[in-house]
Amino acid sequence: DGQEAVCVGMEAAISMKDSIITAYRDHCYQLSRGDSPASIYAELMGRASGCARGKGGSMHMYMAKNNFFGGNGIVGAQQPLGAGLAFAHKYKGDGGVALALYGDGAANQGQLFE
């Protein structure tokens, strides 16, 4: 509830060189990163024309060419991956930032504190 508004606000403040990784509520991020509604719906229907060839479904949309590294079905799994994306930006020196989005259920996962 409100995930769509968060996505729109984030995209207004960042650029396409910045990386995003999130949890299972990833439909709007996939769209904001440049995918088409047809590709997203095809993924939801399990069709090969979907953004993950129909194999990822709702939780695993992905668009690396536009720096969207998808959703995760494992609670908190995006936190260490987001740290890795941030390190990659720093290592490359491209000025990009990484946004790892998680909710209160993932906030108590051990990897957040490491």
Foldseek 3Di string as FASTA:
>chain_A
DCPLVVLVVVPVVFDLVAAEEEALQCLNVLVSLPDDPVQLVCLQVQDCSHQVRSPQHRGAHDDVVSRYRTHHHDQQPQQVVQVVSQVVCVVVVVPYHYHYDHDPVNPPDPVNVD
